[in-house]
Amino acid sequence: MAYQFIPPTVSQGPLGLGRLFYRYKINRGVTVYRLDGTWYEQQFPEQTDLDASSVYYLGGHEYTVNLAEKTALETAGYTVSTV
């Protein structure tokens, strides 16, 4: 059985510099990665952290994960759905 993980997002604004844009926000992805057994969330992770991590999920993407990854993510407090 396949599972789907979508990393969390954060709502940021304003969308632009114009007066009208101050009312709007945009959702931006947050990267989730595991480094030395600890889960981290960063909006702009450094490449060295991603290289050193055992697994990472870039924000703004959808990932198909197996049962072991699903269990690890749910233990860390993330939501994983069934495909």
Protein backbone atom coordinates (compact mmCIF):
# COMPACT_ATOMS: atom_id res chain seq x y z
CA MET A 1 0.00 0.00 0.00
CA ALA A 2 1.27 3.49 -0.84
CA TYR A 3 1.06 6.55 1.37
CA GLN A 4 1.32 10.24 0.53
CA PHE A 5 3.16 12.89 2.53
CA ILE A 6 2.81 16.60 1.85
CA PRO A 7 5.17 18.78 3.93
CA PRO A 8 3.59 21.63 5.91
CA THR A 9 3.15 25.15 4.55
CA VAL A 10 3.28 28.62 6.04
CA SER A 11 1.16 31.58 4.91
CA GLN A 12 3.27 34.65 4.11
CA GLY A 13 2.40 38.11 2.95
CA PRO A 14 2.06 40.63 1.66
CA LEU A 15 2.14 39.19 -1.83
CA GLY A 16 3.62 42.35 -3.38
CA LEU A 17 4.47 45.98 -2.80
CA GLY A 18 1.30 47.55 -4.22
CA ARG A 19 -1.53 48.68 -1.97
CA LEU A 20 -3.83 45.95 -3.22
CA PHE A 21 -1.27 43.19 -2.64
CA TYR A 22 -1.10 43.86 1.11
CA ARG A 23 -4.40 41.99 1.49
CA TYR A 24 -3.13 38.77 -0.04
CA LYS A 25 -0.87 36.05 1.29
CA ILE A 26 0.73 33.04 -0.37
CA ASN A 27 1.37 29.55 1.00
CA ARG A 28 5.01 28.52 0.92
CA GLY A 29 6.36 25.04 1.55
CA VAL A 30 8.48 24.09 4.53
CA THR A 31 11.20 21.45 4.15
CA VAL A 32 11.17 18.55 6.62
CA TYR A 33 14.34 16.55 7.22
CA ARG A 34 15.80 14.09 9.73
CA LEU A 35 19.34 14.68 10.94
CA ASP A 36 20.86 12.35 13.53
CA GLY A 37 17.44 10.99 14.47
CA THR A 38 15.86 14.41 15.07
CA TRP A 39 13.27 15.95 12.73
CA TYR A 40 13.70 19.56 11.63
CA GLU A 41 11.54 22.03 9.72
CA GLN A 42 13.09 24.89 7.75
CA GLN A 43 11.73 27.07 5.03
CA PHE A 44 15.17 27.70 3.54
CA PRO A 45 17.44 24.78 4.54
CA GLU A 46 21.14 24.79 3.77
CA GLN A 47 22.39 22.25 1.26
CA THR A 48 24.93 20.94 3.79
CA ASP A 49 22.08 20.04 6.18
CA LEU A 50 20.20 18.23 3.42
CA ASP A 51 23.35 16.35 2.37
CA ALA A 52 23.98 15.25 5.96
CA SER A 53 20.37 14.22 6.62
CA SER A 54 19.16 10.65 6.35
CA VAL A 55 15.94 11.69 4.58
CA TYR A 56 14.39 14.98 3.51
CA TYR A 57 11.14 16.18 1.97
CA LEU A 58 11.30 19.51 0.17
CA GLY A 59 8.40 21.84 0.80
CA GLY A 60 5.92 22.35 -2.00
CA HIS A 61 6.09 18.76 -3.26
CA GLU A 62 4.07 15.59 -2.73
CA TYR A 63 5.88 12.39 -1.81
CA THR A 64 4.92 8.73 -1.98
CA VAL A 65 6.31 7.02 1.12
CA ASN A 66 6.40 3.44 2.31
CA LEU A 67 5.10 2.06 5.62
CA ALA A 68 8.39 2.60 7.51
CA GLU A 69 8.61 6.26 6.43
CA LYS A 70 4.91 6.73 7.23
CA THR A 71 5.41 5.40 10.74
CA ALA A 72 8.46 7.62 11.33
CA LEU A 73 6.65 10.73 10.08
CA GLU A 74 3.52 10.03 12.13
CA THR A 75 5.65 9.42 15.22
CA ALA A 76 7.19 12.86 14.65
CA GLY A 77 3.71 14.39 14.50
CA TYR A 78 3.13 14.75 10.75
CA THR A 79 0.03 13.67 8.84
CA VAL A 80 0.39 11.02 6.15
CA SER A 81 -2.58 10.04 3.99
CA THR A 82 -3.36 6.85 2.10
CA VAL A 83 -3.19 7.01 -1.69
